[in-house]
Amino acid sequence: MSAGVVVYDGDCGICEASAGFIRRHIPNVEVMSHREYGVEYLSSVWFVTFNGRSEGAPAVAAILQLSESGLLRMGGRVLKLPVIREIAKVIYFVIAKNRRHISKLLRMKACAVPPSKN
């Protein structure tokens, strides 16, 4: 049984690469693009469980904690530490806000969503 559903922006190269990483390293979660999940637009990753939904950096931390890798689980725990949690939120926001440009820079599929919606 799945521990939850990771919903990512299927129009974003960075997000697609991250989804692939999750599929390879955290097999006990289901991974779906926002369109597969039935959402028109997504500004940050969602992690949906029976207990609710987390978004952005808190979602990343929760997802990592479900990994089979002790190193990834530890990374998820570190991301939940008080000061680190706040820094992670800022870093996540900056990357999410600029993911279209970062995807292009890394020669990945650029986000189809106009930057003004972020």
PDB file of N, CA and C in Angstrom:
ATOM      1  N   MET A   1       0.838  -1.183   0.000  1.00  0.00           N
ATOM      2  CA  MET A   1       0.000   0.000   0.000  1.00  0.00           C
ATOM      3  C   MET A   1       0.882   1.246   0.000  1.00  0.00           C
ATOM      4  N   SER A   2       0.460   2.235  -0.740  1.00  0.00           N
ATOM      5  CA  SER A   2       1.212   3.475  -0.869  1.00  0.00           C
ATOM      6  C   SER A   2       1.139   4.299   0.417  1.00  0.00           C
ATOM      7  N   ALA A   3       2.274   4.908   0.764  1.00  0.00           N
ATOM      8  CA  ALA A   3       2.328   5.772   1.950  1.00  0.00           C
ATOM      9  C   ALA A   3       1.762   7.154   1.655  1.00  0.00           C
ATOM     10  N   GLY A   4       1.514   7.430   0.392  1.00  0.00           N
ATOM     11  CA  GLY A   4       0.973   8.720   0.000  1.00  0.00           C
ATOM     12  C   GLY A   4       1.194   8.959  -1.480  1.00  0.00           C
ATOM     13  N   VAL A   5       0.732  10.109  -1.939  1.00  0.00           N
ATOM     14  CA  VAL A   5       0.857  10.477  -3.345  1.00  0.00           C
ATOM     15  C   VAL A   5       1.656  11.763  -3.445  1.00  0.00           C
ATOM     16  N   VAL A   6       2.708  11.721  -4.268  1.00  0.00           N
ATOM     17  CA  VAL A   6       3.493  12.905  -4.583  1.00  0.00           C
ATOM     18  C   VAL A   6       2.905  13.478  -5.865  1.00  0.00           C
ATOM     19  N   VAL A   7       2.492  14.742  -5.829  1.00  0.00           N
ATOM     20  CA  VAL A   7       1.938  15.404  -7.005  1.00  0.00           C
ATOM     21  C   VAL A   7       2.911  16.508  -7.396  1.00  0.00           C
ATOM     22  N   TYR A   8       3.376  16.453  -8.643  1.00  0.00           N
ATOM     23  CA  TYR A   8       4.378  17.410  -9.107  1.00  0.00           C
ATOM     24  C   TYR A   8       3.902  18.111 -10.370  1.00  0.00           C
ATOM     25  N   ASP A   9       4.563  19.197 -10.732  1.00  0.00           N
ATOM     26  CA  ASP A   9       4.257  19.954 -11.940  1.00  0.00           C
ATOM     27  C   ASP A   9       4.804  19.188 -13.135  1.00  0.00           C
ATOM     28  N   GLY A  10       3.925  18.570 -13.890  1.00  0.00           N
ATOM     29  CA  GLY A  10       4.323  17.769 -15.039  1.00  0.00           C
ATOM     30  C   GLY A  10       4.806  18.578 -16.219  1.00  0.00           C
ATOM     31  N   ASP A  11       4.767  19.893 -16.123  1.00  0.00           N
ATOM     32  CA  ASP A  11       5.246  20.755 -17.202  1.00  0.00           C
ATOM     33  C   ASP A  11       6.645  21.288 -16.932  1.00  0.00           C
ATOM     34  N   CYS A  12       7.276  20.838 -15.878  1.00  0.00           N
ATOM     35  CA  CYS A  12       8.541  21.412 -15.418  1.00  0.00           C
ATOM     36  C   CYS A  12       9.661  20.371 -15.470  1.00  0.00           C
ATOM     37  N   GLY A  13      10.765  20.731 -16.101  1.00  0.00           N
ATOM     38  CA  GLY A  13      11.900  19.822 -16.199  1.00  0.00           C
ATOM     39  C   GLY A  13      12.483  19.447 -14.856  1.00  0.00           C
ATOM     40  N   ILE A  14      12.671  20.427 -13.980  1.00  0.00           N
ATOM     41  CA  ILE A  14      13.202  20.151 -12.644  1.00  0.00           C
ATOM     42  C   ILE A  14      12.247  19.234 -11.886  1.00  0.00           C
ATOM     43  N   CYS A  15      10.966  19.515 -11.993  1.00  0.00           N
ATOM     44  CA  CYS A  15       9.963  18.717 -11.286  1.00  0.00           C
ATOM     45  C   CYS A  15       9.927  17.285 -11.826  1.00  0.00           C
ATOM     46  N   GLU A  16      10.033  17.131 -13.147  1.00  0.00           N
ATOM     47  CA  GLU A  16      10.048  15.790 -13.733  1.00  0.00           C
ATOM     48  C   GLU A  16      11.280  15.012 -13.286  1.00  0.00           C
ATOM     49  N   ALA A  17      12.435  15.683 -13.238  1.00  0.00           N
ATOM     50  CA  ALA A  17      13.659  15.021 -12.768  1.00  0.00           C
ATOM     51  C   ALA A  17      13.504  14.607 -11.306  1.00  0.00           C
ATOM     52  N   SER A  18      12.914  15.475 -10.501  1.00  0.00           N
ATOM     53  CA  SER A  18      12.695  15.159  -9.089  1.00  0.00           C
ATOM     54  C   SER A  18      11.729  13.986  -8.939  1.00  0.00           C
ATOM     55  N   ALA A  19      10.691  13.959  -9.768  1.00  0.00           N
ATOM     56  CA  ALA A  19       9.724  12.853  -9.726  1.00  0.00           C
ATOM     57  C   ALA A  19      10.415  11.538 -10.078  1.00  0.00           C
ATOM     58  N   GLY A  20      11.306  11.560 -11.053  1.00  0.00           N
ATOM     59  CA  GLY A  20      12.062  10.366 -11.416  1.00  0.00           C
ATOM     60  C   GLY A  20      12.935   9.890 -10.259  1.00  0.00           C
ATOM     61  N   PHE A  21      13.562  10.835  -9.566  1.00  0.00           N
ATOM     62  CA  PHE A  21      14.386  10.503  -8.399  1.00  0.00           C
ATOM     63  C   PHE A  21      13.533   9.834  -7.328  1.00  0.00           C
ATOM     64  N   ILE A  22      12.365  10.393  -7.080  1.00  0.00           N
ATOM     65  CA  ILE A  22      11.468   9.825  -6.068  1.00  0.00           C
ATOM     66  C   ILE A  22      11.041   8.417  -6.472  1.00  0.00           C
ATOM     67  N   ARG A  23      10.696   8.231  -7.740  1.00  0.00           N
ATOM     68  CA  ARG A  23      10.289   6.899  -8.200  1.00  0.00           C
ATOM     69  C   ARG A  23      11.398   5.872  -7.987  1.00  0.00           C
ATOM     70  N   ARG A  24      12.641   6.285  -8.205  1.00  0.00           N
ATOM     71  CA  ARG A  24      13.772   5.361  -8.068  1.00  0.00           C
ATOM     72  C   ARG A  24      14.139   5.084  -6.613  1.00  0.00           C
ATOM     73  N   HIS A  25      14.016   6.079  -5.759  1.00  0.00           N
ATOM     74  CA  HIS A  25      14.551   5.963  -4.400  1.00  0.00           C
ATOM     75  C   HIS A  25      13.503   5.840  -3.291  1.00  0.00           C
ATOM     76  N   ILE A  26      12.248   6.117  -3.621  1.00  0.00           N
ATOM     77  CA  ILE A  26      11.198   6.055  -2.602  1.00  0.00           C
ATOM     78  C   ILE A  26       9.992   5.334  -3.217  1.00  0.00           C
ATOM     79  N   PRO A  27      10.132   4.028  -3.398  1.00  0.00           N
ATOM     80  CA  PRO A  27       9.100   3.283  -4.128  1.00  0.00           C
ATOM     81  C   PRO A  27       7.774   3.109  -3.394  1.00  0.00           C
ATOM     82  N   ASN A  28       7.728   3.424  -2.116  1.00  0.00           N
ATOM     83  CA  ASN A  28       6.476   3.215  -1.372  1.00  0.00           C
ATOM     84  C   ASN A  28       5.531   4.410  -1.448  1.00  0.00           C
ATOM     85  N   VAL A  29       5.810   5.373  -2.369  1.00  0.00           N
ATOM     86  CA  VAL A  29       4.868   6.461  -2.620  1.00  0.00           C
ATOM     87  C   VAL A  29       4.458   6.413  -4.089  1.00  0.00           C
ATOM     88  N   GLU A  30       3.275   6.878  -4.356  1.00  0.00           N
ATOM     89  CA  GLU A  30       2.800   6.989  -5.733  1.00  0.00           C
ATOM     90  C   GLU A  30       3.192   8.379  -6.228  1.00  0.00           C
ATOM     91  N   VAL A  31       3.628   8.480  -7.481  1.00  0.00           N
ATOM     92  CA  VAL A  31       4.077   9.757  -8.038  1.00  0.00           C
ATOM     93  C   VAL A  31       3.228  10.063  -9.267  1.00  0.00           C
ATOM     94  N   MET A  32       2.583  11.245  -9.264  1.00  0.00           N
ATOM     95  CA  MET A  32       1.691  11.633 -10.354  1.00  0.00           C
ATOM     96  C   MET A  32       1.936  13.088 -10.744  1.00  0.00           C
ATOM     97  N   SER A  33       1.804  13.369 -12.043  1.00  0.00           N
ATOM     98  CA  SER A  33       1.851  14.764 -12.473  1.00  0.00           C
ATOM     99  C   SER A  33       0.559  15.453 -12.034  1.00  0.00           C
ATOM    100  N   HIS A  34       0.577  16.764 -12.017  1.00  0.00           N
ATOM    101  CA  HIS A  34      -0.615  17.504 -11.591  1.00  0.00           C
ATOM    102  C   HIS A  34      -1.812  17.185 -12.477  1.00  0.00           C
ATOM    103  N   ARG A  35      -1.571  16.962 -13.758  1.00  0.00           N
ATOM    104  CA  ARG A  35      -2.676  16.644 -14.674  1.00  0.00           C
ATOM    105  C   ARG A  35      -3.254  15.259 -14.379  1.00  0.00           C
ATOM    106  N   GLU A  36      -2.381  14.289 -14.109  1.00  0.00           N
ATOM    107  CA  GLU A  36      -2.864  12.947 -13.756  1.00  0.00           C
ATOM    108  C   GLU A  36      -3.708  12.999 -12.486  1.00  0.00           C
ATOM    109  N   TYR A  37      -3.338  13.890 -11.577  1.00  0.00           N
ATOM    110  CA  TYR A  37      -4.046  14.018 -10.308  1.00  0.00           C
ATOM    111  C   TYR A  37      -5.346  14.813 -10.455  1.00  0.00           C
ATOM    112  N   GLY A  38      -5.467  15.532 -11.591  1.00  0.00           N
ATOM    113  CA  GLY A  38      -6.686  16.295 -11.850  1.00  0.00           C
ATOM    114  C   GLY A  38      -6.621  17.745 -11.419  1.00  0.00           C
ATOM    115  N   VAL A  39      -5.404  18.300 -11.345  1.00  0.00           N
ATOM    116  CA  VAL A  39      -5.205  19.691 -10.941  1.00  0.00           C
ATOM    117  C   VAL A  39      -4.711  20.464 -12.158  1.00  0.00           C
ATOM    118  N   GLU A  40      -5.272  21.641 -12.382  1.00  0.00           N
ATOM    119  CA  GLU A  40      -4.907  22.432 -13.556  1.00  0.00           C
ATOM    120  C   GLU A  40      -3.541  23.106 -13.420  1.00  0.00           C
ATOM    121  N   TYR A  41      -3.216  23.570 -12.235  1.00  0.00           N
ATOM    122  CA  TYR A  41      -1.973  24.307 -12.019  1.00  0.00           C
ATOM    123  C   TYR A  41      -1.403  23.949 -10.652  1.00  0.00           C
ATOM    124  N   LEU A  42      -0.090  23.856 -10.589  1.00  0.00           N
ATOM    125  CA  LEU A  42       0.569  23.520  -9.336  1.00  0.00           C
ATOM    126  C   LEU A  42       1.795  24.416  -9.186  1.00  0.00           C
ATOM    127  N   SER A  43       1.900  25.107  -8.055  1.00  0.00           N
ATOM    128  CA  SER A  43       3.045  25.999  -7.844  1.00  0.00           C
ATOM    129  C   SER A  43       4.122  25.374  -6.972  1.00  0.00           C
ATOM    130  N   SER A  44       3.810  24.245  -6.322  1.00  0.00           N
ATOM    131  CA  SER A  44       4.806  23.531  -5.513  1.00  0.00           C
ATOM    132  C   SER A  44       4.392  22.071  -5.420  1.00  0.00           C
ATOM    133  N   VAL A  45       5.351  21.237  -5.068  1.00  0.00           N
ATOM    134  CA  VAL A  45       5.065  19.812  -4.924  1.00  0.00           C
ATOM    135  C   VAL A  45       4.079  19.605  -3.771  1.00  0.00           C
ATOM    136  N   TRP A  46       3.205  18.626  -3.950  1.00  0.00           N
ATOM    137  CA  TRP A  46       2.278  18.241  -2.882  1.00  0.00           C
ATOM    138  C   TRP A  46       2.627  16.828  -2.448  1.00  0.00           C
ATOM    139  N   PHE A  47       2.442  16.553  -1.163  1.00  0.00           N
ATOM    140  CA  PHE A  47       2.495  15.185  -0.665  1.00  0.00           C
ATOM    141  C   PHE A  47       1.185  14.951   0.057  1.00  0.00           C
ATOM    142  N   VAL A  48       0.363  14.095  -0.531  1.00  0.00           N
ATOM    143  CA  VAL A  48      -0.984  13.852  -0.030  1.00  0.00           C
ATOM    144  C   VAL A  48      -1.025  12.489   0.661  1.00  0.00           C
ATOM    145  N   THR A  49      -1.466  12.495   1.928  1.00  0.00           N
ATOM    146  CA  THR A  49      -1.607  11.265   2.704  1.00  0.00           C
ATOM    147  C   THR A  49      -3.000  11.243   3.319  1.00  0.00           C
ATOM    148  N   PHE A  50      -3.298  10.188   4.046  1.00  0.00           N
ATOM    149  CA  PHE A  50      -4.584  10.122   4.742  1.00  0.00           C
ATOM    150  C   PHE A  50      -4.705  11.220   5.797  1.00  0.00           C
ATOM    151  N   ASN A  51      -3.558  11.743   6.254  1.00  0.00           N
ATOM    152  CA  ASN A  51      -3.552  12.790   7.285  1.00  0.00           C
ATOM    153  C   ASN A  51      -3.653  14.199   6.720  1.00  0.00           C
ATOM    154  N   GLY A  52      -3.668  14.349   5.397  1.00  0.00           N
ATOM    155  CA  GLY A  52      -3.768  15.672   4.801  1.00  0.00           C
ATOM    156  C   GLY A  52      -2.730  15.883   3.716  1.00  0.00           C
ATOM    157  N   ARG A  53      -2.468  17.151   3.422  1.00  0.00           N
ATOM    158  CA  ARG A  53      -1.556  17.513   2.339  1.00  0.00           C
ATOM    159  C   ARG A  53      -0.498  18.474   2.843  1.00  0.00           C
ATOM    160  N   SER A  54       0.757  18.209   2.494  1.00  0.00           N
ATOM    161  CA  SER A  54       1.825  19.169   2.753  1.00  0.00           C
ATOM    162  C   SER A  54       2.336  19.655   1.399  1.00  0.00           C
ATOM    163  N   GLU A  55       2.930  20.841   1.391  1.00  0.00           N
ATOM    164  CA  GLU A  55       3.399  21.437   0.144  1.00  0.00           C
ATOM    165  C   GLU A  55       4.806  21.983   0.316  1.00  0.00           C
ATOM    166  N   GLY A  56       5.530  22.070  -0.804  1.00  0.00           N
ATOM    167  CA  GLY A  56       6.841  22.695  -0.797  1.00  0.00           C
ATOM    168  C   GLY A  56       7.872  21.950   0.022  1.00  0.00           C
ATOM    169  N   ALA A  57       8.705  22.697   0.737  1.00  0.00           N
ATOM    170  CA  ALA A  57       9.795  22.107   1.530  1.00  0.00           C
ATOM    171  C   ALA A  57       9.290  21.110   2.584  1.00  0.00           C
ATOM    172  N   PRO A  58       8.190  21.386   3.286  1.00  0.00           N
ATOM    173  CA  PRO A  58       7.695  20.378   4.238  1.00  0.00           C
ATOM    174  C   PRO A  58       7.305  19.062   3.542  1.00  0.00           C
ATOM    175  N   ALA A  59       6.785  19.159   2.327  1.00  0.00           N
ATOM    176  CA  ALA A  59       6.450  17.947   1.573  1.00  0.00           C
ATOM    177  C   ALA A  59       7.712  17.180   1.215  1.00  0.00           C
ATOM    178  N   VAL A  60       8.751  17.890   0.785  1.00  0.00           N
ATOM    179  CA  VAL A  60      10.024  17.246   0.445  1.00  0.00           C
ATOM    180  C   VAL A  60      10.577  16.509   1.664  1.00  0.00           C
ATOM    181  N   ALA A  61      10.551  17.149   2.815  1.00  0.00           N
ATOM    182  CA  ALA A  61      11.052  16.519   4.043  1.00  0.00           C
ATOM    183  C   ALA A  61      10.274  15.244   4.359  1.00  0.00           C
ATOM    184  N   ALA A  62       8.965  15.315   4.252  1.00  0.00           N
ATOM    185  CA  ALA A  62       8.129  14.141   4.560  1.00  0.00           C
ATOM    186  C   ALA A  62       8.381  13.009   3.565  1.00  0.00           C
ATOM    187  N   ILE A  63       8.537  13.351   2.299  1.00  0.00           N
ATOM    188  CA  ILE A  63       8.795  12.340   1.264  1.00  0.00           C
ATOM    189  C   ILE A  63      10.133  11.654   1.522  1.00  0.00           C
ATOM    190  N   LEU A  64      11.161  12.449   1.775  1.00  0.00           N
ATOM    191  CA  LEU A  64      12.494  11.887   2.012  1.00  0.00           C
ATOM    192  C   LEU A  64      12.505  10.937   3.203  1.00  0.00           C
ATOM    193  N   GLN A  65      11.722  11.228   4.210  1.00  0.00           N
ATOM    194  CA  GLN A  65      11.689  10.380   5.402  1.00  0.00           C
ATOM    195  C   GLN A  65      11.114   8.992   5.129  1.00  0.00           C
ATOM    196  N   LEU A  66      10.506   8.801   3.964  1.00  0.00           N
ATOM    197  CA  LEU A  66       9.951   7.499   3.602  1.00  0.00           C
ATOM    198  C   LEU A  66      10.900   6.671   2.740  1.00  0.00           C
ATOM    199  N   SER A  67      12.080   7.189   2.479  1.00  0.00           N
ATOM    200  CA  SER A  67      13.041   6.506   1.628  1.00  0.00           C
ATOM    201  C   SER A  67      13.565   5.229   2.283  1.00  0.00           C
ATOM    202  N   GLU A  68      14.006   4.315   1.444  1.00  0.00           N
ATOM    203  CA  GLU A  68      14.683   3.112   1.930  1.00  0.00           C
ATOM    204  C   GLU A  68      16.122   3.424   2.321  1.00  0.00           C
ATOM    205  N   SER A  69      16.632   4.558   1.855  1.00  0.00           N
ATOM    206  CA  SER A  69      18.001   4.973   2.147  1.00  0.00           C
ATOM    207  C   SER A  69      18.070   5.727   3.477  1.00  0.00           C
ATOM    208  N   GLY A  70      18.938   5.266   4.354  1.00  0.00           N
ATOM    209  CA  GLY A  70      19.118   5.947   5.636  1.00  0.00           C
ATOM    210  C   GLY A  70      19.589   7.383   5.457  1.00  0.00           C
ATOM    211  N   LEU A  71      20.415   7.622   4.451  1.00  0.00           N
ATOM    212  CA  LEU A  71      20.915   8.970   4.196  1.00  0.00           C
ATOM    213  C   LEU A  71      19.782   9.912   3.783  1.00  0.00           C
ATOM    214  N   LEU A  72      18.903   9.451   2.907  1.00  0.00           N
ATOM    215  CA  LEU A  72      17.768  10.284   2.496  1.00  0.00           C
ATOM    216  C   LEU A  72      16.802  10.509   3.653  1.00  0.00           C
ATOM    217  N   ARG A  73      16.564   9.464   4.461  1.00  0.00           N
ATOM    218  CA  ARG A  73      15.691   9.628   5.636  1.00  0.00           C
ATOM    219  C   ARG A  73      16.274  10.661   6.589  1.00  0.00           C
ATOM    220  N   MET A  74      17.594  10.612   6.791  1.00  0.00           N
ATOM    221  CA  MET A  74      18.246  11.590   7.659  1.00  0.00           C
ATOM    222  C   MET A  74      18.109  12.999   7.071  1.00  0.00           C
ATOM    223  N   GLY A  75      18.253  13.109   5.751  1.00  0.00           N
ATOM    224  CA  GLY A  75      18.071  14.410   5.106  1.00  0.00           C
ATOM    225  C   GLY A  75      16.675  14.961   5.354  1.00  0.00           C
ATOM    226  N   GLY A  76      15.670  14.104   5.299  1.00  0.00           N
ATOM    227  CA  GLY A  76      14.303  14.525   5.590  1.00  0.00           C
ATOM    228  C   GLY A  76      14.147  15.008   7.018  1.00  0.00           C
ATOM    229  N   ARG A  77      14.800  14.325   7.954  1.00  0.00           N
ATOM    230  CA  ARG A  77      14.732  14.750   9.361  1.00  0.00           C
ATOM    231  C   ARG A  77      15.444  16.094   9.557  1.00  0.00           C
ATOM    232  N   VAL A  78      16.581  16.265   8.893  1.00  0.00           N
ATOM    233  CA  VAL A  78      17.327  17.525   9.007  1.00  0.00           C
ATOM    234  C   VAL A  78      16.490  18.682   8.466  1.00  0.00           C
ATOM    235  N   LEU A  79      15.775  18.445   7.376  1.00  0.00           N
ATOM    236  CA  LEU A  79      14.940  19.503   6.796  1.00  0.00           C
ATOM    237  C   LEU A  79      13.798  19.933   7.715  1.00  0.00           C
ATOM    238  N   LYS A  80      13.500  19.135   8.721  1.00  0.00           N
ATOM    239  CA  LYS A  80      12.434  19.484   9.663  1.00  0.00           C
ATOM    240  C   LYS A  80      12.950  20.207  10.914  1.00  0.00           C
ATOM    241  N   LEU A  81      14.269  20.314  11.059  1.00  0.00           N
ATOM    242  CA  LEU A  81      14.827  21.042  12.209  1.00  0.00           C
ATOM    243  C   LEU A  81      14.437  22.519  12.120  1.00  0.00           C
ATOM    244  N   PRO A  82      14.160  23.171  13.257  1.00  0.00           N
ATOM    245  CA  PRO A  82      13.603  24.529  13.253  1.00  0.00           C
ATOM    246  C   PRO A  82      14.290  25.543  12.329  1.00  0.00           C
ATOM    247  N   VAL A  83      15.566  25.763  12.458  1.00  0.00           N
ATOM    248  CA  VAL A  83      16.237  26.771  11.626  1.00  0.00           C
ATOM    249  C   VAL A  83      16.352  26.292  10.184  1.00  0.00           C
ATOM    250  N   ILE A  84      16.720  25.042  10.008  1.00  0.00           N
ATOM    251  CA  ILE A  84      16.872  24.469   8.667  1.00  0.00           C
ATOM    252  C   ILE A  84      15.537  24.508   7.925  1.00  0.00           C
ATOM    253  N   ARG A  85      14.447  24.229   8.641  1.00  0.00           N
ATOM    254  CA  ARG A  85      13.106  24.236   8.039  1.00  0.00           C
ATOM    255  C   ARG A  85      12.808  25.589   7.402  1.00  0.00           C
ATOM    256  N   GLU A  86      13.140  26.660   8.091  1.00  0.00           N
ATOM    257  CA  GLU A  86      12.871  28.006   7.564  1.00  0.00           C
ATOM    258  C   GLU A  86      13.767  28.324   6.369  1.00  0.00           C
ATOM    259  N   ILE A  87      15.017  27.915   6.447  1.00  0.00           N
ATOM    260  CA  ILE A  87      15.937  28.120   5.315  1.00  0.00           C
ATOM    261  C   ILE A  87      15.465  27.310   4.112  1.00  0.00           C
ATOM    262  N   ALA A  88      15.045  26.063   4.347  1.00  0.00           N
ATOM    263  CA  ALA A  88      14.561  25.203   3.263  1.00  0.00           C
ATOM    264  C   ALA A  88      13.338  25.805   2.584  1.00  0.00           C
ATOM    265  N   LYS A  89      12.448  26.416   3.350  1.00  0.00           N
ATOM    266  CA  LYS A  89      11.261  27.057   2.762  1.00  0.00           C
ATOM    267  C   LYS A  89      11.658  28.182   1.822  1.00  0.00           C
ATOM    268  N   VAL A  90      12.631  28.980   2.230  1.00  0.00           N
ATOM    269  CA  VAL A  90      13.091  30.098   1.391  1.00  0.00           C
ATOM    270  C   VAL A  90      13.744  29.560   0.120  1.00  0.00           C
ATOM    271  N   ILE A  91      14.624  28.587   0.271  1.00  0.00           N
ATOM    272  CA  ILE A  91      15.305  28.014  -0.898  1.00  0.00           C
ATOM    273  C   ILE A  91      14.289  27.375  -1.842  1.00  0.00           C
ATOM    274  N   TYR A  92      13.332  26.637  -1.284  1.00  0.00           N
ATOM    275  CA  TYR A  92      12.305  26.013  -2.118  1.00  0.00           C
ATOM    276  C   TYR A  92      11.526  27.086  -2.878  1.00  0.00           C
ATOM    277  N   PHE A  93      11.134  28.147  -2.195  1.00  0.00           N
ATOM    278  CA  PHE A  93      10.368  29.223  -2.831  1.00  0.00           C
ATOM    279  C   PHE A  93      11.155  29.838  -3.983  1.00  0.00           C
ATOM    280  N   VAL A  94      12.431  30.116  -3.774  1.00  0.00           N
ATOM    281  CA  VAL A  94      13.255  30.740  -4.817  1.00  0.00           C
ATOM    282  C   VAL A  94      13.375  29.816  -6.028  1.00  0.00           C
ATOM    283  N   ILE A  95      13.610  28.536  -5.779  1.00  0.00           N
ATOM    284  CA  ILE A  95      13.718  27.592  -6.895  1.00  0.00           C
ATOM    285  C   ILE A  95      12.377  27.454  -7.607  1.00  0.00           C
ATOM    286  N   ALA A  96      11.293  27.314  -6.857  1.00  0.00           N
ATOM    287  CA  ALA A  96       9.965  27.170  -7.465  1.00  0.00           C
ATOM    288  C   ALA A  96       9.598  28.408  -8.285  1.00  0.00           C
ATOM    289  N   LYS A  97       9.915  29.557  -7.773  1.00  0.00           N
ATOM    290  CA  LYS A  97       9.606  30.818  -8.467  1.00  0.00           C
ATOM    291  C   LYS A  97      10.385  30.939  -9.773  1.00  0.00           C
ATOM    292  N   ASN A  98      11.582  30.365  -9.802  1.00  0.00           N
ATOM    293  CA  ASN A  98      12.457  30.489 -10.962  1.00  0.00           C
ATOM    294  C   ASN A  98      12.659  29.179 -11.713  1.00  0.00           C
ATOM    295  N   ARG A  99      11.798  28.197 -11.490  1.00  0.00           N
ATOM    296  CA  ARG A  99      11.998  26.876 -12.080  1.00  0.00           C
ATOM    297  C   ARG A  99      11.981  26.886 -13.599  1.00  0.00           C
ATOM    298  N   ARG A 100      11.231  27.781 -14.183  1.00  0.00           N
ATOM    299  CA  ARG A 100      11.191  27.877 -15.648  1.00  0.00           C
ATOM    300  C   ARG A 100      12.569  28.236 -16.184  1.00  0.00           C
ATOM    301  N   HIS A 101      13.184  29.231 -15.581  1.00  0.00           N
ATOM    302  CA  HIS A 101      14.503  29.680 -16.031  1.00  0.00           C
ATOM    303  C   HIS A 101      15.587  28.663 -15.686  1.00  0.00           C
ATOM    304  N   ILE A 102      15.483  28.061 -14.519  1.00  0.00           N
ATOM    305  CA  ILE A 102      16.472  27.050 -14.111  1.00  0.00           C
ATOM    306  C   ILE A 102      16.385  25.839 -15.034  1.00  0.00           C
ATOM    307  N   SER A 103      15.175  25.431 -15.386  1.00  0.00           N
ATOM    308  CA  SER A 103      15.003  24.302 -16.307  1.00  0.00           C
ATOM    309  C   SER A 103      15.659  24.602 -17.649  1.00  0.00           C
ATOM    310  N   LYS A 104      15.431  25.796 -18.171  1.00  0.00           N
ATOM    311  CA  LYS A 104      16.059  26.177 -19.443  1.00  0.00           C
ATOM    312  C   LYS A 104      17.577  26.178 -19.316  1.00  0.00           C
ATOM    313  N   LEU A 105      18.085  26.741 -18.237  1.00  0.00           N
ATOM    314  CA  LEU A 105      19.523  26.810 -18.008  1.00  0.00           C
ATOM    315  C   LEU A 105      20.151  25.415 -17.966  1.00  0.00           C
ATOM    316  N   LEU A 106      19.438  24.465 -17.371  1.00  0.00           N
ATOM    317  CA  LEU A 106      19.925  23.085 -17.268  1.00  0.00           C
ATOM    318  C   LEU A 106      19.564  22.237 -18.488  1.00  0.00           C
ATOM    319  N   ARG A 107      19.009  22.899 -19.501  1.00  0.00           N
ATOM    320  CA  ARG A 107      18.600  22.244 -20.755  1.00  0.00           C
ATOM    321  C   ARG A 107      17.571  21.148 -20.528  1.00  0.00           C
ATOM    322  N   MET A 108      16.669  21.424 -19.610  1.00  0.00           N
ATOM    323  CA  MET A 108      15.554  20.518 -19.338  1.00  0.00           C
ATOM    324  C   MET A 108      14.314  21.141 -19.965  1.00  0.00           C
ATOM    325  N   LYS A 109      13.267  20.368 -20.015  1.00  0.00           N
ATOM    326  CA  LYS A 109      11.997  20.894 -20.503  1.00  0.00           C
ATOM    327  C   LYS A 109      11.614  22.085 -19.636  1.00  0.00           C
ATOM    328  N   ALA A 110      11.377  23.233 -20.271  1.00  0.00           N
ATOM    329  CA  ALA A 110      11.011  24.425 -19.517  1.00  0.00           C
ATOM    330  C   ALA A 110       9.525  24.388 -19.172  1.00  0.00           C
ATOM    331  N   CYS A 111       9.195  24.944 -18.052  1.00  0.00           N
ATOM    332  CA  CYS A 111       7.810  24.959 -17.584  1.00  0.00           C
ATOM    333  C   CYS A 111       6.920  25.681 -18.578  1.00  0.00           C
ATOM    334  N   ALA A 112       5.783  25.102 -18.837  1.00  0.00           N
ATOM    335  CA  ALA A 112       4.817  25.710 -19.741  1.00  0.00           C
ATOM    336  C   ALA A 112       4.008  26.793 -19.041  1.00  0.00           C
ATOM    337  N   VAL A 113       3.995  26.771 -17.720  1.00  0.00           N
ATOM    338  CA  VAL A 113       3.224  27.735 -16.948  1.00  0.00           C
ATOM    339  C   VAL A 113       3.905  29.087 -17.022  1.00  0.00           C
ATOM    340  N   PRO A 114       3.168  30.159 -17.354  1.00  0.00           N
ATOM    341  CA  PRO A 114       3.779  31.480 -17.399  1.00  0.00           C
ATOM    342  C   PRO A 114       4.373  31.855 -16.043  1.00  0.00           C
ATOM    343  N   PRO A 115       5.534  32.524 -16.026  1.00  0.00           N
ATOM    344  CA  PRO A 115       6.175  32.858 -14.759  1.00  0.00           C
ATOM    345  C   PRO A 115       5.325  33.718 -13.844  1.00  0.00           C
ATOM    346  N   SER A 116       4.389  34.482 -14.368  1.00  0.00           N
ATOM    347  CA  SER A 116       3.564  35.346 -13.523  1.00  0.00           C
ATOM    348  C   SER A 116       2.651  34.566 -12.588  1.00  0.00           C
ATOM    349  N   LYS A 117       2.353  33.302 -12.905  1.00  0.00           N
ATOM    350  CA  LYS A 117       1.490  32.484 -12.042  1.00  0.00           C
ATOM    351  C   LYS A 117       2.223  31.945 -10.838  1.00  0.00           C
ATOM    352  N   ASN A 118       3.540  31.972 -10.839  1.00  0.00           N
ATOM    353  CA  ASN A 118       4.313  31.438  -9.718  1.00  0.00           C
ATOM    354  C   ASN A 118       4.296  32.443  -8.648  1.00  0.00           C
TER     355      ASN A 118
END
